[in-house]
């Protein structure tokens, strides 16, 4: 997996999401983007058998993002912030 090098320009969430999706492609996970759930829209959902993992893709961290990831645990087995 390649890690983006700092060029002085801030990485966009869409670029970060592409890297995450590329990392999981071919791993056996089904990958879904912008998934509606009772607590809002989840950026990426990874599904393998009965295991469902939510990933919020953000370029900065805030209490709102932490709250969103915590609330995702009501509907997904695992929740991450990337």
N, C-alpha and C. Protein backbone atom coordinates (compact mmCIF):
# COMPACT_ATOMS: atom_id res chain seq x y z
N UNK A 1 0.84 -1.17 0.00
CA UNK A 1 0.00 0.00 0.00
C UNK A 1 0.89 1.23 0.00
N UNK A 2 0.58 2.17 -0.87
CA UNK A 2 1.30 3.43 -0.91
C UNK A 2 0.69 4.40 0.09
N UNK A 3 1.54 5.19 0.70
CA UNK A 3 1.09 6.23 1.61
C UNK A 3 1.39 7.56 0.94
N UNK A 4 0.40 8.42 0.92
CA UNK A 4 0.56 9.71 0.25
C UNK A 4 1.66 10.52 0.92
N UNK A 5 2.51 11.09 0.13
CA UNK A 5 3.58 11.95 0.62
C UNK A 5 3.06 13.38 0.70
N UNK A 6 3.51 14.11 1.70
CA UNK A 6 3.10 15.50 1.85
C UNK A 6 3.73 16.35 0.75
N UNK A 7 2.89 17.09 0.06
CA UNK A 7 3.37 17.99 -0.98
C UNK A 7 3.07 19.43 -0.61
N UNK A 8 2.62 19.62 0.63
CA UNK A 8 2.22 20.95 1.05
C UNK A 8 0.75 21.22 0.76
N UNK A 9 0.11 20.33 0.01
CA UNK A 9 -1.32 20.46 -0.29
C UNK A 9 -2.08 19.48 0.58
N UNK A 10 -3.21 19.91 1.08
CA UNK A 10 -4.01 19.02 1.91
C UNK A 10 -4.67 17.95 1.07
N UNK A 11 -4.66 16.71 1.57
CA UNK A 11 -5.29 15.60 0.88
C UNK A 11 -6.81 15.76 0.97
N UNK A 12 -7.51 15.44 -0.10
CA UNK A 12 -8.97 15.48 -0.11
C UNK A 12 -9.51 14.16 0.43
N UNK A 13 -10.70 14.22 1.01
CA UNK A 13 -11.33 13.01 1.53
C UNK A 13 -11.52 11.97 0.43
N UNK A 14 -11.83 12.40 -0.78
CA UNK A 14 -12.04 11.46 -1.88
C UNK A 14 -10.74 10.72 -2.22
N UNK A 15 -9.60 11.40 -2.12
CA UNK A 15 -8.31 10.74 -2.37
C UNK A 15 -8.00 9.71 -1.28
N UNK A 16 -8.29 10.07 -0.05
CA UNK A 16 -8.09 9.15 1.07
C UNK A 16 -9.01 7.94 0.93
N UNK A 17 -10.26 8.18 0.53
CA UNK A 17 -11.22 7.08 0.34
C UNK A 17 -10.74 6.13 -0.75
N UNK A 18 -10.19 6.67 -1.84
CA UNK A 18 -9.66 5.82 -2.92
C UNK A 18 -8.56 4.91 -2.41
N UNK A 19 -7.67 5.45 -1.58
CA UNK A 19 -6.59 4.63 -1.02
C UNK A 19 -7.14 3.52 -0.14
N UNK A 20 -8.14 3.85 0.68
CA UNK A 20 -8.75 2.84 1.54
C UNK A 20 -9.42 1.75 0.71
N UNK A 21 -10.19 2.16 -0.29
CA UNK A 21 -10.88 1.19 -1.16
C UNK A 21 -9.86 0.31 -1.88
N UNK A 22 -8.80 0.89 -2.39
CA UNK A 22 -7.75 0.10 -3.05
C UNK A 22 -7.11 -0.90 -2.10
N UNK A 23 -6.97 -0.52 -0.84
CA UNK A 23 -6.38 -1.41 0.17
C UNK A 23 -7.24 -2.64 0.41
N UNK A 24 -8.56 -2.48 0.32
CA UNK A 24 -9.47 -3.60 0.61
C UNK A 24 -9.94 -4.33 -0.65
N UNK A 25 -9.66 -3.79 -1.82
CA UNK A 25 -10.06 -4.47 -3.06
C UNK A 25 -9.34 -5.81 -3.15
N UNK A 26 -10.11 -6.83 -3.46
CA UNK A 26 -9.54 -8.17 -3.59
C UNK A 26 -9.32 -8.88 -2.27
N UNK A 27 -9.80 -8.30 -1.17
CA UNK A 27 -9.58 -8.90 0.16
C UNK A 27 -10.74 -9.77 0.62
N UNK A 28 -11.79 -9.83 -0.20
CA UNK A 28 -12.97 -10.61 0.19
C UNK A 28 -14.07 -9.75 0.79
N UNK A 29 -13.79 -8.48 1.04
CA UNK A 29 -14.82 -7.58 1.55
C UNK A 29 -15.61 -6.99 0.39
N UNK A 30 -16.93 -6.88 0.59
CA UNK A 30 -17.74 -6.08 -0.31
C UNK A 30 -17.58 -4.64 0.16
N UNK A 31 -17.46 -3.71 -0.78
CA UNK A 31 -17.19 -2.31 -0.44
C UNK A 31 -18.35 -1.45 -0.95
N UNK A 32 -18.91 -0.65 -0.04
CA UNK A 32 -20.01 0.24 -0.37
C UNK A 32 -19.62 1.66 0.04
N UNK A 33 -20.04 2.64 -0.74
CA UNK A 33 -19.73 4.03 -0.43
C UNK A 33 -21.02 4.83 -0.21
N UNK A 34 -20.93 5.81 0.68
CA UNK A 34 -22.04 6.71 0.97
C UNK A 34 -23.33 5.93 1.28
N UNK A 35 -23.28 5.18 2.36
CA UNK A 35 -24.39 4.30 2.75
C UNK A 35 -25.29 5.02 3.75
N UNK A 36 -26.59 5.06 3.43
CA UNK A 36 -27.58 5.65 4.34
C UNK A 36 -27.79 4.71 5.53
N UNK A 37 -27.81 5.29 6.72
CA UNK A 37 -28.13 4.52 7.92
C UNK A 37 -29.00 5.41 8.81
N UNK A 38 -29.59 4.85 9.86
CA UNK A 38 -30.44 5.67 10.73
C UNK A 38 -29.71 6.86 11.36
N UNK A 39 -28.38 6.79 11.45
CA UNK A 39 -27.63 7.89 12.08
C UNK A 39 -26.99 8.81 11.05
N UNK A 40 -27.34 8.67 9.78
CA UNK A 40 -26.79 9.53 8.73
C UNK A 40 -26.15 8.73 7.61
N UNK A 41 -25.24 9.37 6.91
CA UNK A 41 -24.55 8.71 5.80
C UNK A 41 -23.17 8.24 6.27
N UNK A 42 -22.89 6.97 6.06
CA UNK A 42 -21.58 6.40 6.39
C UNK A 42 -20.73 6.44 5.12
N UNK A 43 -19.51 6.95 5.25
CA UNK A 43 -18.66 7.14 4.07
C UNK A 43 -18.36 5.82 3.34
N UNK A 44 -17.87 4.82 4.08
CA UNK A 44 -17.55 3.52 3.47
C UNK A 44 -18.03 2.43 4.41
N UNK A 45 -18.64 1.39 3.84
CA UNK A 45 -19.03 0.21 4.60
C UNK A 45 -18.35 -0.99 3.95
N UNK A 46 -17.70 -1.78 4.80
CA UNK A 46 -17.04 -3.01 4.35
C UNK A 46 -17.83 -4.17 4.93
N UNK A 47 -18.14 -5.16 4.09
CA UNK A 47 -18.94 -6.30 4.54
C UNK A 47 -18.24 -7.59 4.15
N UNK A 48 -18.09 -8.47 5.11
CA UNK A 48 -17.53 -9.80 4.86
C UNK A 48 -18.36 -10.79 5.67
N UNK A 49 -19.11 -11.65 4.98
CA UNK A 49 -20.05 -12.58 5.63
C UNK A 49 -21.02 -11.76 6.48
N UNK A 50 -21.10 -12.03 7.79
CA UNK A 50 -22.01 -11.29 8.67
C UNK A 50 -21.33 -10.13 9.39
N UNK A 51 -20.08 -9.87 9.06
CA UNK A 51 -19.31 -8.80 9.70
C UNK A 51 -19.43 -7.53 8.87
N UNK A 52 -19.91 -6.45 9.49
CA UNK A 52 -20.11 -5.18 8.78
C UNK A 52 -19.33 -4.08 9.52
N UNK A 53 -18.49 -3.37 8.77
CA UNK A 53 -17.55 -2.40 9.32
C UNK A 53 -17.80 -1.04 8.68
N UNK A 54 -18.01 -0.03 9.50
CA UNK A 54 -18.20 1.32 8.98
C UNK A 54 -16.89 2.10 9.09
N UNK A 55 -16.62 2.92 8.08
CA UNK A 55 -15.42 3.75 8.09
C UNK A 55 -15.81 5.17 7.70
N UNK A 56 -15.52 6.11 8.58
CA UNK A 56 -15.71 7.52 8.28
C UNK A 56 -14.37 8.04 7.75
N UNK A 57 -14.37 8.59 6.56
CA UNK A 57 -13.16 9.09 5.92
C UNK A 57 -13.12 10.60 6.11
N UNK A 58 -12.15 11.06 6.87
CA UNK A 58 -12.06 12.49 7.20
C UNK A 58 -10.61 12.95 7.10
N UNK A 59 -10.43 14.23 6.78
CA UNK A 59 -9.09 14.80 6.74
C UNK A 59 -8.76 15.55 8.02
N UNK A 60 -9.75 15.69 8.91
CA UNK A 60 -9.50 16.30 10.21
C UNK A 60 -10.42 15.64 11.24
N UNK A 61 -9.99 15.69 12.47
CA UNK A 61 -10.71 15.04 13.56
C UNK A 61 -11.41 16.09 14.42
N UNK A 62 -12.65 15.80 14.79
CA UNK A 62 -13.41 16.69 15.66
C UNK A 62 -14.31 15.86 16.56
N UNK A 63 -14.91 16.49 17.54
CA UNK A 63 -15.86 15.78 18.40
C UNK A 63 -17.04 15.26 17.60
N UNK A 64 -17.44 15.99 16.58
CA UNK A 64 -18.55 15.56 15.72
C UNK A 64 -18.21 14.25 15.00
N UNK A 65 -16.99 14.15 14.50
CA UNK A 65 -16.55 12.94 13.81
C UNK A 65 -16.48 11.77 14.79
N UNK A 66 -15.94 12.02 15.99
CA UNK A 66 -15.88 10.96 17.01
C UNK A 66 -17.28 10.49 17.38
N UNK A 67 -18.20 11.42 17.50
CA UNK A 67 -19.59 11.08 17.83
C UNK A 67 -20.23 10.25 16.71
N UNK A 68 -19.95 10.64 15.48
CA UNK A 68 -20.50 9.90 14.33
C UNK A 68 -19.99 8.46 14.34
N UNK A 69 -18.71 8.27 14.56
CA UNK A 69 -18.14 6.92 14.59
C UNK A 69 -18.72 6.11 15.75
N UNK A 70 -18.88 6.75 16.91
CA UNK A 70 -19.47 6.06 18.07
C UNK A 70 -20.90 5.66 17.78
N UNK A 71 -21.69 6.55 17.18
CA UNK A 71 -23.08 6.24 16.86
C UNK A 71 -23.19 5.12 15.83
N UNK A 72 -22.21 5.00 14.95
CA UNK A 72 -22.23 3.92 13.96
C UNK A 72 -22.20 2.54 14.61
N UNK A 73 -21.65 2.45 15.82
CA UNK A 73 -21.58 1.15 16.50
C UNK A 73 -22.95 0.57 16.83
N UNK A 74 -23.98 1.41 16.76
CA UNK A 74 -25.34 0.90 16.97
C UNK A 74 -25.79 0.02 15.81
N UNK A 75 -25.21 0.24 14.64
CA UNK A 75 -25.69 -0.43 13.42
C UNK A 75 -24.64 -1.30 12.74
N UNK A 76 -23.37 -1.16 13.14
CA UNK A 76 -22.27 -1.91 12.51
C UNK A 76 -21.48 -2.64 13.59
N UNK A 77 -20.82 -3.75 13.21
CA UNK A 77 -20.01 -4.50 14.16
C UNK A 77 -18.78 -3.73 14.61
N UNK A 78 -18.25 -2.92 13.72
CA UNK A 78 -17.00 -2.21 14.00
C UNK A 78 -17.08 -0.84 13.34
N UNK A 79 -16.46 0.17 13.94
CA UNK A 79 -16.50 1.51 13.38
C UNK A 79 -15.11 2.13 13.47
N UNK A 80 -14.66 2.74 12.38
CA UNK A 80 -13.32 3.36 12.34
C UNK A 80 -13.40 4.74 11.72
N UNK A 81 -12.36 5.51 12.01
CA UNK A 81 -12.16 6.81 11.37
C UNK A 81 -10.83 6.72 10.64
N UNK A 82 -10.85 7.07 9.38
CA UNK A 82 -9.64 7.02 8.57
C UNK A 82 -9.29 8.43 8.13
